[in-house]
Amino acid sequence: MTMTDLLAASDISTAINACKAKDSFSLKTFFATVGLSKKSPPEIEKVFKMLDQDKSGFIEQDELQLFLQKFSKGARALTAAETKAFLMAGDMDGDGKIGLCSVLYVLL
């Protein structure tokens, strides 16, 4: 399964283009533009599992840096500042990881 099986390729392209410049990534804007905000919890879980590269059940800092590349192979890596802001937005318990429940909370 790929991201385009769950999300429209045109929405992915628009979301990636909106954050081409360094330090331009906005979590809520990206999720809305790519269409994740409109997805059901089971659909969001499928995307989460694709982002969880090591299959730990969490998305950690190193996986966040490559977040955009999971949506589009040619996309840039997130900057350190963007990665930190993303982690802070989704790390509800301060353990340095983002779980599925945190993603659902941010989106729903």
PDB file of N, CA and C in Angstrom:
ATOM      1  N   MET A   1       0.838  -1.178   0.000  1.00  0.00           N
ATOM      2  CA  MET A   1       0.000   0.000   0.000  1.00  0.00           C
ATOM      3  C   MET A   1       0.887   1.248   0.000  1.00  0.00           C
ATOM      4  N   THR A   2       0.457   2.242  -0.731  1.00  0.00           N
ATOM      5  CA  THR A   2       1.173   3.514  -0.783  1.00  0.00           C
ATOM      6  C   THR A   2       0.244   4.642  -0.332  1.00  0.00           C
ATOM      7  N   MET A   3       0.821   5.809  -0.121  1.00  0.00           N
ATOM      8  CA  MET A   3       0.024   6.962   0.299  1.00  0.00           C
ATOM      9  C   MET A   3      -1.065   7.285  -0.726  1.00  0.00           C
ATOM     10  N   THR A   4      -0.765   7.101  -2.011  1.00  0.00           N
ATOM     11  CA  THR A   4      -1.751   7.433  -3.040  1.00  0.00           C
ATOM     12  C   THR A   4      -2.905   6.429  -3.078  1.00  0.00           C
ATOM     13  N   ASP A   5      -2.779   5.321  -2.357  1.00  0.00           N
ATOM     14  CA  ASP A   5      -3.912   4.410  -2.213  1.00  0.00           C
ATOM     15  C   ASP A   5      -4.936   4.988  -1.241  1.00  0.00           C
ATOM     16  N   LEU A   6      -4.487   5.892  -0.372  1.00  0.00           N
ATOM     17  CA  LEU A   6      -5.361   6.474   0.644  1.00  0.00           C
ATOM     18  C   LEU A   6      -5.642   7.961   0.440  1.00  0.00           C
ATOM     19  N   LEU A   7      -4.723   8.645  -0.221  1.00  0.00           N
ATOM     20  CA  LEU A   7      -4.828  10.092  -0.399  1.00  0.00           C
ATOM     21  C   LEU A   7      -4.666  10.440  -1.875  1.00  0.00           C
ATOM     22  N   ALA A   8      -5.321  11.486  -2.311  1.00  0.00           N
ATOM     23  CA  ALA A   8      -5.235  11.903  -3.706  1.00  0.00           C
ATOM     24  C   ALA A   8      -3.831  12.414  -4.027  1.00  0.00           C
ATOM     25  N   ALA A   9      -3.281  11.959  -5.133  1.00  0.00           N
ATOM     26  CA  ALA A   9      -1.943  12.381  -5.555  1.00  0.00           C
ATOM     27  C   ALA A   9      -1.872  13.896  -5.705  1.00  0.00           C
ATOM     28  N   SER A  10      -2.938  14.504  -6.195  1.00  0.00           N
ATOM     29  CA  SER A  10      -2.941  15.966  -6.378  1.00  0.00           C
ATOM     30  C   SER A  10      -2.888  16.683  -5.026  1.00  0.00           C
ATOM     31  N   ASP A  11      -3.564  16.148  -4.010  1.00  0.00           N
ATOM     32  CA  ASP A  11      -3.523  16.742  -2.674  1.00  0.00           C
ATOM     33  C   ASP A  11      -2.130  16.598  -2.060  1.00  0.00           C
ATOM     34  N   ILE A  12      -1.515  15.433  -2.265  1.00  0.00           N
ATOM     35  CA  ILE A  12      -0.152  15.224  -1.774  1.00  0.00           C
ATOM     36  C   ILE A  12       0.793  16.219  -2.423  1.00  0.00           C
ATOM     37  N   SER A  13       0.688  16.376  -3.732  1.00  0.00           N
ATOM     38  CA  SER A  13       1.553  17.298  -4.462  1.00  0.00           C
ATOM     39  C   SER A  13       1.373  18.734  -3.968  1.00  0.00           C
ATOM     40  N   THR A  14       0.138  19.147  -3.774  1.00  0.00           N
ATOM     41  CA  THR A  14      -0.145  20.501  -3.283  1.00  0.00           C
ATOM     42  C   THR A  14       0.448  20.702  -1.890  1.00  0.00           C
ATOM     43  N   ALA A  15       0.285  19.717  -1.020  1.00  0.00           N
ATOM     44  CA  ALA A  15       0.799  19.823   0.346  1.00  0.00           C
ATOM     45  C   ALA A  15       2.319  19.876   0.366  1.00  0.00           C
ATOM     46  N   ILE A  16       2.964  19.055  -0.457  1.00  0.00           N
ATOM     47  CA  ILE A  16       4.433  19.041  -0.527  1.00  0.00           C
ATOM     48  C   ILE A  16       4.946  20.368  -1.083  1.00  0.00           C
ATOM     49  N   ASN A  17       4.306  20.871  -2.117  1.00  0.00           N
ATOM     50  CA  ASN A  17       4.732  22.143  -2.722  1.00  0.00           C
ATOM     51  C   ASN A  17       4.590  23.315  -1.760  1.00  0.00           C
ATOM     52  N   ALA A  18       3.601  23.250  -0.886  1.00  0.00           N
ATOM     53  CA  ALA A  18       3.362  24.341   0.066  1.00  0.00           C
ATOM     54  C   ALA A  18       4.458  24.441   1.121  1.00  0.00           C
ATOM     55  N   CYS A  19       5.233  23.384   1.275  1.00  0.00           N
ATOM     56  CA  CYS A  19       6.277  23.419   2.310  1.00  0.00           C
ATOM     57  C   CYS A  19       7.655  23.081   1.733  1.00  0.00           C
ATOM     58  N   LYS A  20       7.888  23.510   0.500  1.00  0.00           N
ATOM     59  CA  LYS A  20       9.197  23.272  -0.124  1.00  0.00           C
ATOM     60  C   LYS A  20      10.316  24.043   0.564  1.00  0.00           C
ATOM     61  N   ALA A  21      10.011  25.261   0.980  1.00  0.00           N
ATOM     62  CA  ALA A  21      11.032  26.086   1.625  1.00  0.00           C
ATOM     63  C   ALA A  21      11.294  25.578   3.041  1.00  0.00           C
ATOM     64  N   LYS A  22      12.553  25.631   3.447  1.00  0.00           N
ATOM     65  CA  LYS A  22      12.897  25.208   4.807  1.00  0.00           C
ATOM     66  C   LYS A  22      12.128  26.036   5.823  1.00  0.00           C
ATOM     67  N   ASP A  23      11.747  25.386   6.893  1.00  0.00           N
ATOM     68  CA  ASP A  23      11.002  25.989   7.992  1.00  0.00           C
ATOM     69  C   ASP A  23       9.639  26.535   7.575  1.00  0.00           C
ATOM     70  N   SER A  24       9.048  25.955   6.521  1.00  0.00           N
ATOM     71  CA  SER A  24       7.716  26.362   6.084  1.00  0.00           C
ATOM     72  C   SER A  24       6.656  25.307   6.403  1.00  0.00           C
ATOM     73  N   PHE A  25       7.071  24.192   7.010  1.00  0.00           N
ATOM     74  CA  PHE A  25       6.146  23.101   7.308  1.00  0.00           C
ATOM     75  C   PHE A  25       5.239  23.466   8.472  1.00  0.00           C
ATOM     76  N   SER A  26       3.940  23.298   8.260  1.00  0.00           N
ATOM     77  CA  SER A  26       2.935  23.497   9.310  1.00  0.00           C
ATOM     78  C   SER A  26       2.134  22.200   9.394  1.00  0.00           C
ATOM     79  N   LEU A  27       2.180  21.567  10.527  1.00  0.00           N
ATOM     80  CA  LEU A  27       1.527  20.279  10.726  1.00  0.00           C
ATOM     81  C   LEU A  27       0.043  20.326  10.369  1.00  0.00           C
ATOM     82  N   LYS A  28      -0.693  21.225  10.970  1.00  0.00           N
ATOM     83  CA  LYS A  28      -2.142  21.290  10.741  1.00  0.00           C
ATOM     84  C   LYS A  28      -2.459  21.637   9.281  1.00  0.00           C
ATOM     85  N   THR A  29      -1.708  22.562   8.696  1.00  0.00           N
ATOM     86  CA  THR A  29      -1.931  22.923   7.302  1.00  0.00           C
ATOM     87  C   THR A  29      -1.636  21.738   6.387  1.00  0.00           C
ATOM     88  N   PHE A  30      -0.529  21.037   6.656  1.00  0.00           N
ATOM     89  CA  PHE A  30      -0.175  19.882   5.840  1.00  0.00           C
ATOM     90  C   PHE A  30      -1.262  18.814   5.926  1.00  0.00           C
ATOM     91  N   PHE A  31      -1.688  18.478   7.146  1.00  0.00           N
ATOM     92  CA  PHE A  31      -2.709  17.444   7.325  1.00  0.00           C
ATOM     93  C   PHE A  31      -4.005  17.820   6.616  1.00  0.00           C
ATOM     94  N   ALA A  32      -4.393  19.094   6.698  1.00  0.00           N
ATOM     95  CA  ALA A  32      -5.619  19.538   6.030  1.00  0.00           C
ATOM     96  C   ALA A  32      -5.463  19.476   4.513  1.00  0.00           C
ATOM     97  N   THR A  33      -4.343  19.977   3.997  1.00  0.00           N
ATOM     98  CA  THR A  33      -4.125  20.029   2.546  1.00  0.00           C
ATOM     99  C   THR A  33      -4.034  18.642   1.939  1.00  0.00           C
ATOM    100  N   VAL A  34      -3.348  17.740   2.622  1.00  0.00           N
ATOM    101  CA  VAL A  34      -3.161  16.388   2.087  1.00  0.00           C
ATOM    102  C   VAL A  34      -4.446  15.543   2.228  1.00  0.00           C
ATOM    103  N   GLY A  35      -5.386  16.028   3.015  1.00  0.00           N
ATOM    104  CA  GLY A  35      -6.669  15.352   3.146  1.00  0.00           C
ATOM    105  C   GLY A  35      -6.799  14.442   4.355  1.00  0.00           C
ATOM    106  N   LEU A  36      -5.793  14.391   5.214  1.00  0.00           N
ATOM    107  CA  LEU A  36      -5.862  13.527   6.397  1.00  0.00           C
ATOM    108  C   LEU A  36      -6.939  13.976   7.380  1.00  0.00           C
ATOM    109  N   SER A  37      -7.211  15.263   7.432  1.00  0.00           N
ATOM    110  CA  SER A  37      -8.203  15.789   8.368  1.00  0.00           C
ATOM    111  C   SER A  37      -9.597  15.243   8.082  1.00  0.00           C
ATOM    112  N   LYS A  38      -9.822  14.787   6.866  1.00  0.00           N
ATOM    113  CA  LYS A  38     -11.141  14.297   6.460  1.00  0.00           C
ATOM    114  C   LYS A  38     -11.245  12.777   6.500  1.00  0.00           C
ATOM    115  N   LYS A  39     -10.189  12.116   6.902  1.00  0.00           N
ATOM    116  CA  LYS A  39     -10.170  10.655   6.883  1.00  0.00           C
ATOM    117  C   LYS A  39     -10.721  10.076   8.181  1.00  0.00           C
ATOM    118  N   SER A  40     -11.190   8.854   8.098  1.00  0.00           N
ATOM    119  CA  SER A  40     -11.708   8.144   9.268  1.00  0.00           C
ATOM    120  C   SER A  40     -10.541   7.627  10.106  1.00  0.00           C
ATOM    121  N   PRO A  41     -10.790   7.336  11.381  1.00  0.00           N
ATOM    122  CA  PRO A  41      -9.717   6.783  12.211  1.00  0.00           C
ATOM    123  C   PRO A  41      -9.034   5.544  11.608  1.00  0.00           C
ATOM    124  N   PRO A  42      -9.764   4.590  11.019  1.00  0.00           N
ATOM    125  CA  PRO A  42      -9.063   3.446  10.408  1.00  0.00           C
ATOM    126  C   PRO A  42      -8.153   3.850   9.234  1.00  0.00           C
ATOM    127  N   GLU A  43      -8.570   4.853   8.462  1.00  0.00           N
ATOM    128  CA  GLU A  43      -7.732   5.328   7.360  1.00  0.00           C
ATOM    129  C   GLU A  43      -6.491   6.038   7.891  1.00  0.00           C
ATOM    130  N   ILE A  44      -6.661   6.830   8.936  1.00  0.00           N
ATOM    131  CA  ILE A  44      -5.529   7.524   9.554  1.00  0.00           C
ATOM    132  C   ILE A  44      -4.551   6.502  10.123  1.00  0.00           C
ATOM    133  N   GLU A  45      -5.071   5.434  10.696  1.00  0.00           N
ATOM    134  CA  GLU A  45      -4.206   4.379  11.235  1.00  0.00           C
ATOM    135  C   GLU A  45      -3.346   3.748  10.136  1.00  0.00           C
ATOM    136  N   LYS A  46      -3.909   3.571   8.951  1.00  0.00           N
ATOM    137  CA  LYS A  46      -3.137   3.009   7.830  1.00  0.00           C
ATOM    138  C   LYS A  46      -1.981   3.930   7.455  1.00  0.00           C
ATOM    139  N   VAL A  47      -2.249   5.231   7.413  1.00  0.00           N
ATOM    140  CA  VAL A  47      -1.196   6.202   7.107  1.00  0.00           C
ATOM    141  C   VAL A  47      -0.149   6.182   8.218  1.00  0.00           C
ATOM    142  N   PHE A  48      -0.601   6.157   9.464  1.00  0.00           N
ATOM    143  CA  PHE A  48       0.311   6.111  10.604  1.00  0.00           C
ATOM    144  C   PHE A  48       1.262   4.916  10.483  1.00  0.00           C
ATOM    145  N   LYS A  49       0.733   3.767  10.145  1.00  0.00           N
ATOM    146  CA  LYS A  49       1.554   2.560  10.031  1.00  0.00           C
ATOM    147  C   LYS A  49       2.590   2.689   8.920  1.00  0.00           C
ATOM    148  N   MET A  50       2.259   3.433   7.854  1.00  0.00           N
ATOM    149  CA  MET A  50       3.244   3.666   6.787  1.00  0.00           C
ATOM    150  C   MET A  50       4.351   4.600   7.261  1.00  0.00           C
ATOM    151  N   LEU A  51       4.020   5.530   8.140  1.00  0.00           N
ATOM    152  CA  LEU A  51       5.002   6.476   8.661  1.00  0.00           C
ATOM    153  C   LEU A  51       5.886   5.840   9.732  1.00  0.00           C
ATOM    154  N   ASP A  52       5.358   4.850  10.420  1.00  0.00           N
ATOM    155  CA  ASP A  52       6.095   4.143  11.480  1.00  0.00           C
ATOM    156  C   ASP A  52       7.014   3.111  10.825  1.00  0.00           C
ATOM    157  N   GLN A  53       8.157   3.585  10.356  1.00  0.00           N
ATOM    158  CA  GLN A  53       9.067   2.767   9.561  1.00  0.00           C
ATOM    159  C   GLN A  53       9.608   1.557  10.311  1.00  0.00           C
ATOM    160  N   ASP A  54       9.870   1.700  11.602  1.00  0.00           N
ATOM    161  CA  ASP A  54      10.449   0.577  12.350  1.00  0.00           C
ATOM    162  C   ASP A  54       9.387  -0.305  13.002  1.00  0.00           C
ATOM    163  N   LYS A  55       8.122   0.012  12.742  1.00  0.00           N
ATOM    164  CA  LYS A  55       6.980  -0.776  13.232  1.00  0.00           C
ATOM    165  C   LYS A  55       6.959  -0.895  14.756  1.00  0.00           C
ATOM    166  N   SER A  56       7.382   0.183  15.437  1.00  0.00           N
ATOM    167  CA  SER A  56       7.419   0.198  16.901  1.00  0.00           C
ATOM    168  C   SER A  56       6.073   0.576  17.517  1.00  0.00           C
ATOM    169  N   GLY A  57       5.163   1.061  16.692  1.00  0.00           N
ATOM    170  CA  GLY A  57       3.892   1.553  17.208  1.00  0.00           C
ATOM    171  C   GLY A  57       3.937   3.032  17.547  1.00  0.00           C
ATOM    172  N   PHE A  58       5.089   3.647  17.279  1.00  0.00           N
ATOM    173  CA  PHE A  58       5.286   5.076  17.528  1.00  0.00           C
ATOM    174  C   PHE A  58       6.065   5.691  16.375  1.00  0.00           C
ATOM    175  N   ILE A  59       5.924   6.991  16.231  1.00  0.00           N
ATOM    176  CA  ILE A  59       6.738   7.727  15.267  1.00  0.00           C
ATOM    177  C   ILE A  59       7.730   8.538  16.093  1.00  0.00           C
ATOM    178  N   GLU A  60       9.007   8.238  15.898  1.00  0.00           N
ATOM    179  CA  GLU A  60      10.068   8.891  16.648  1.00  0.00           C
ATOM    180  C   GLU A  60      10.709   9.997  15.808  1.00  0.00           C
ATOM    181  N   GLN A  61      11.625  10.716  16.438  1.00  0.00           N
ATOM    182  CA  GLN A  61      12.255  11.882  15.817  1.00  0.00           C
ATOM    183  C   GLN A  61      12.872  11.566  14.457  1.00  0.00           C
ATOM    184  N   ASP A  62      13.614  10.480  14.330  1.00  0.00           N
ATOM    185  CA  ASP A  62      14.263  10.172  13.055  1.00  0.00           C
ATOM    186  C   ASP A  62      13.231   9.895  11.961  1.00  0.00           C
ATOM    187  N   GLU A  63      12.089   9.322  12.327  1.00  0.00           N
ATOM    188  CA  GLU A  63      11.031   9.086  11.352  1.00  0.00           C
ATOM    189  C   GLU A  63      10.340  10.399  10.978  1.00  0.00           C
ATOM    190  N   LEU A  64      10.239  11.322  11.926  1.00  0.00           N
ATOM    191  CA  LEU A  64       9.626  12.618  11.646  1.00  0.00           C
ATOM    192  C   LEU A  64      10.454  13.425  10.653  1.00  0.00           C
ATOM    193  N   GLN A  65      11.760  13.340  10.757  1.00  0.00           N
ATOM    194  CA  GLN A  65      12.615  14.095   9.841  1.00  0.00           C
ATOM    195  C   GLN A  65      12.336  13.709   8.390  1.00  0.00           C
ATOM    196  N   LEU A  66      11.968  12.461   8.170  1.00  0.00           N
ATOM    197  CA  LEU A  66      11.707  11.966   6.816  1.00  0.00           C
ATOM    198  C   LEU A  66      10.214  11.936   6.486  1.00  0.00           C
ATOM    199  N   PHE A  67       9.416  12.596   7.302  1.00  0.00           N
ATOM    200  CA  PHE A  67       7.964  12.598   7.176  1.00  0.00           C
ATOM    201  C   PHE A  67       7.491  12.938   5.766  1.00  0.00           C
ATOM    202  N   LEU A  68       7.967  14.049   5.206  1.00  0.00           N
ATOM    203  CA  LEU A  68       7.508  14.477   3.880  1.00  0.00           C
ATOM    204  C   LEU A  68       7.885  13.471   2.801  1.00  0.00           C
ATOM    205  N   GLN A  69       9.026  12.840   2.961  1.00  0.00           N
ATOM    206  CA  GLN A  69       9.497  11.869   1.971  1.00  0.00           C
ATOM    207  C   GLN A  69       8.624  10.620   1.932  1.00  0.00           C
ATOM    208  N   LYS A  70       7.896  10.344   2.987  1.00  0.00           N
ATOM    209  CA  LYS A  70       6.972   9.206   2.977  1.00  0.00           C
ATOM    210  C   LYS A  70       5.755   9.504   2.109  1.00  0.00           C
ATOM    211  N   PHE A  71       5.485  10.791   1.889  1.00  0.00           N
ATOM    212  CA  PHE A  71       4.377  11.195   1.032  1.00  0.00           C
ATOM    213  C   PHE A  71       4.837  11.368  -0.412  1.00  0.00           C
ATOM    214  N   SER A  72       6.080  11.810  -0.599  1.00  0.00           N
ATOM    215  CA  SER A  72       6.632  12.038  -1.935  1.00  0.00           C
ATOM    216  C   SER A  72       8.145  11.838  -1.883  1.00  0.00           C
ATOM    217  N   LYS A  73       8.646  10.903  -2.668  1.00  0.00           N
ATOM    218  CA  LYS A  73      10.068  10.535  -2.606  1.00  0.00           C
ATOM    219  C   LYS A  73      11.021  11.703  -2.806  1.00  0.00           C
ATOM    220  N   GLY A  74      10.661  12.690  -3.593  1.00  0.00           N
ATOM    221  CA  GLY A  74      11.545  13.812  -3.857  1.00  0.00           C
ATOM    222  C   GLY A  74      11.450  14.942  -2.849  1.00  0.00           C
ATOM    223  N   ALA A  75      10.617  14.774  -1.842  1.00  0.00           N
ATOM    224  CA  ALA A  75      10.414  15.849  -0.863  1.00  0.00           C
ATOM    225  C   ALA A  75      11.641  16.000   0.035  1.00  0.00           C
ATOM    226  N   ARG A  76      11.763  17.176   0.611  1.00  0.00           N
ATOM    227  CA  ARG A  76      12.887  17.465   1.495  1.00  0.00           C
ATOM    228  C   ARG A  76      12.671  16.860   2.869  1.00  0.00           C
ATOM    229  N   ALA A  77      13.740  16.750   3.617  1.00  0.00           N
ATOM    230  CA  ALA A  77      13.653  16.349   5.024  1.00  0.00           C
ATOM    231  C   ALA A  77      13.208  17.562   5.840  1.00  0.00           C
ATOM    232  N   LEU A  78      12.528  17.313   6.926  1.00  0.00           N
ATOM    233  CA  LEU A  78      12.163  18.410   7.817  1.00  0.00           C
ATOM    234  C   LEU A  78      13.417  18.935   8.507  1.00  0.00           C
ATOM    235  N   THR A  79      13.437  20.223   8.776  1.00  0.00           N
ATOM    236  CA  THR A  79      14.557  20.811   9.503  1.00  0.00           C
ATOM    237  C   THR A  79      14.485  20.379  10.968  1.00  0.00           C
ATOM    238  N   ALA A  80      15.546  20.619  11.696  1.00  0.00           N
ATOM    239  CA  ALA A  80      15.569  20.288  13.123  1.00  0.00           C
ATOM    240  C   ALA A  80      14.461  21.034  13.862  1.00  0.00           C
ATOM    241  N   ALA A  81      14.256  22.302  13.522  1.00  0.00           N
ATOM    242  CA  ALA A  81      13.220  23.102  14.184  1.00  0.00           C
ATOM    243  C   ALA A  81      11.824  22.568  13.857  1.00  0.00           C
ATOM    244  N   GLU A  82      11.595  22.193  12.606  1.00  0.00           N
ATOM    245  CA  GLU A  82      10.292  21.651  12.219  1.00  0.00           C
ATOM    246  C   GLU A  82      10.040  20.307  12.902  1.00  0.00           C
ATOM    247  N   THR A  83      11.069  19.490  12.957  1.00  0.00           N
ATOM    248  CA  THR A  83      10.944  18.180  13.595  1.00  0.00           C
ATOM    249  C   THR A  83      10.619  18.338  15.083  1.00  0.00           C
ATOM    250  N   LYS A  84      11.295  19.261  15.733  1.00  0.00           N
ATOM    251  CA  LYS A  84      11.061  19.500  17.160  1.00  0.00           C
ATOM    252  C   LYS A  84       9.632  20.001  17.388  1.00  0.00           C
ATOM    253  N   ALA A  85       9.174  20.941  16.564  1.00  0.00           N
ATOM    254  CA  ALA A  85       7.814  21.476  16.705  1.00  0.00           C
ATOM    255  C   ALA A  85       6.781  20.382  16.465  1.00  0.00           C
ATOM    256  N   PHE A  86       7.014  19.533  15.465  1.00  0.00           N
ATOM    257  CA  PHE A  86       6.119  18.425  15.148  1.00  0.00           C
ATOM    258  C   PHE A  86       6.054  17.468  16.337  1.00  0.00           C
ATOM    259  N   LEU A  87       7.201  17.125  16.876  1.00  0.00           N
ATOM    260  CA  LEU A  87       7.259  16.210  18.008  1.00  0.00           C
ATOM    261  C   LEU A  87       6.539  16.798  19.221  1.00  0.00           C
ATOM    262  N   MET A  88       6.752  18.066  19.477  1.00  0.00           N
ATOM    263  CA  MET A  88       6.101  18.718  20.617  1.00  0.00           C
ATOM    264  C   MET A  88       4.580  18.744  20.445  1.00  0.00           C
ATOM    265  N   ALA A  89       4.122  18.919  19.211  1.00  0.00           N
ATOM    266  CA  ALA A  89       2.679  18.968  18.946  1.00  0.00           C
ATOM    267  C   ALA A  89       2.012  17.613  19.132  1.00  0.00           C
ATOM    268  N   GLY A  90       2.745  16.546  18.854  1.00  0.00           N
ATOM    269  CA  GLY A  90       2.142  15.224  18.901  1.00  0.00           C
ATOM    270  C   GLY A  90       2.526  14.352  20.069  1.00  0.00           C
ATOM    271  N   ASP A  91       3.535  14.747  20.830  1.00  0.00           N
ATOM    272  CA  ASP A  91       4.015  13.943  21.957  1.00  0.00           C
ATOM    273  C   ASP A  91       3.224  14.328  23.202  1.00  0.00           C
ATOM    274  N   MET A  92       2.127  13.647  23.417  1.00  0.00           N
ATOM    275  CA  MET A  92       1.209  14.010  24.498  1.00  0.00           C
ATOM    276  C   MET A  92       1.726  13.669  25.892  1.00  0.00           C
ATOM    277  N   ASP A  93       2.608  12.676  26.001  1.00  0.00           N
ATOM    278  CA  ASP A  93       3.054  12.266  27.331  1.00  0.00           C
ATOM    279  C   ASP A  93       4.526  12.559  27.601  1.00  0.00           C
ATOM    280  N   GLY A  94       5.198  13.245  26.669  1.00  0.00           N
ATOM    281  CA  GLY A  94       6.568  13.661  26.891  1.00  0.00           C
ATOM    282  C   GLY A  94       7.608  12.564  26.790  1.00  0.00           C
ATOM    283  N   ASP A  95       7.270  11.452  26.134  1.00  0.00           N
ATOM    284  CA  ASP A  95       8.217  10.339  26.026  1.00  0.00           C
ATOM    285  C   ASP A  95       9.099  10.401  24.781  1.00  0.00           C
ATOM    286  N   GLY A  96       8.935  11.473  23.985  1.00  0.00           N
ATOM    287  CA  GLY A  96       9.763  11.628  22.786  1.00  0.00           C
ATOM    288  C   GLY A  96       9.259  10.852  21.583  1.00  0.00           C
ATOM    289  N   LYS A  97       8.007  10.384  21.657  1.00  0.00           N
ATOM    290  CA  LYS A  97       7.418   9.606  20.579  1.00  0.00           C
ATOM    291  C   LYS A  97       5.981  10.056  20.356  1.00  0.00           C
ATOM    292  N   ILE A  98       5.496   9.821  19.143  1.00  0.00           N
ATOM    293  CA  ILE A  98       4.111  10.125  18.818  1.00  0.00           C
ATOM    294  C   ILE A  98       3.387   8.815  18.568  1.00  0.00           C
ATOM    295  N   GLY A  99       2.320   8.589  19.311  1.00  0.00           N
ATOM    296  CA  GLY A  99       1.512   7.396  19.128  1.00  0.00           C
ATOM    297  C   GLY A  99       0.302   7.689  18.257  1.00  0.00           C
ATOM    298  N   LEU A 100      -0.382   6.649  17.857  1.00  0.00           N
ATOM    299  CA  LEU A 100      -1.570   6.793  17.015  1.00  0.00           C
ATOM    300  C   LEU A 100      -2.633   7.649  17.693  1.00  0.00           C
ATOM    301  N   CYS A 101      -2.833   7.470  18.970  1.00  0.00           N
ATOM    302  CA  CYS A 101      -3.850   8.259  19.679  1.00  0.00           C
ATOM    303  C   CYS A 101      -3.552   9.753  19.601  1.00  0.00           C
ATOM    304  N   SER A 102      -2.275  10.103  19.655  1.00  0.00           N
ATOM    305  CA  SER A 102      -1.885  11.513  19.557  1.00  0.00           C
ATOM    306  C   SER A 102      -2.208  12.064  18.177  1.00  0.00           C
ATOM    307  N   VAL A 103      -1.962  11.271  17.146  1.00  0.00           N
ATOM    308  CA  VAL A 103      -2.251  11.705  15.771  1.00  0.00           C
ATOM    309  C   VAL A 103      -3.749  11.891  15.602  1.00  0.00           C
ATOM    310  N   LEU A 104      -4.530  10.959  16.112  1.00  0.00           N
ATOM    311  CA  LEU A 104      -5.979  11.081  16.022  1.00  0.00           C
ATOM    312  C   LEU A 104      -6.459  12.319  16.763  1.00  0.00           C
ATOM    313  N   TYR A 105      -5.870  12.601  17.915  1.00  0.00           N
ATOM    314  CA  TYR A 105      -6.230  13.790  18.695  1.00  0.00           C
ATOM    315  C   TYR A 105      -5.944  15.066  17.909  1.00  0.00           C
ATOM    316  N   VAL A 106      -4.794  15.132  17.272  1.00  0.00           N
ATOM    317  CA  VAL A 106      -4.425  16.317  16.505  1.00  0.00           C
ATOM    318  C   VAL A 106      -5.366  16.498  15.315  1.00  0.00           C
ATOM    319  N   LEU A 107      -5.772  15.410  14.692  1.00  0.00           N
ATOM    320  CA  LEU A 107      -6.580  15.491  13.487  1.00  0.00           C
ATOM    321  C   LEU A 107      -8.069  15.617  13.729  1.00  0.00           C
ATOM    322  N   LEU A 108      -8.543  15.046  14.796  1.00  0.00           N
ATOM    323  CA  LEU A 108     -10.015  14.991  14.988  1.00  0.00           C
ATOM    324  C   LEU A 108     -10.530  16.003  15.956  1.00  0.00           C
TER     325      LEU A 108
END
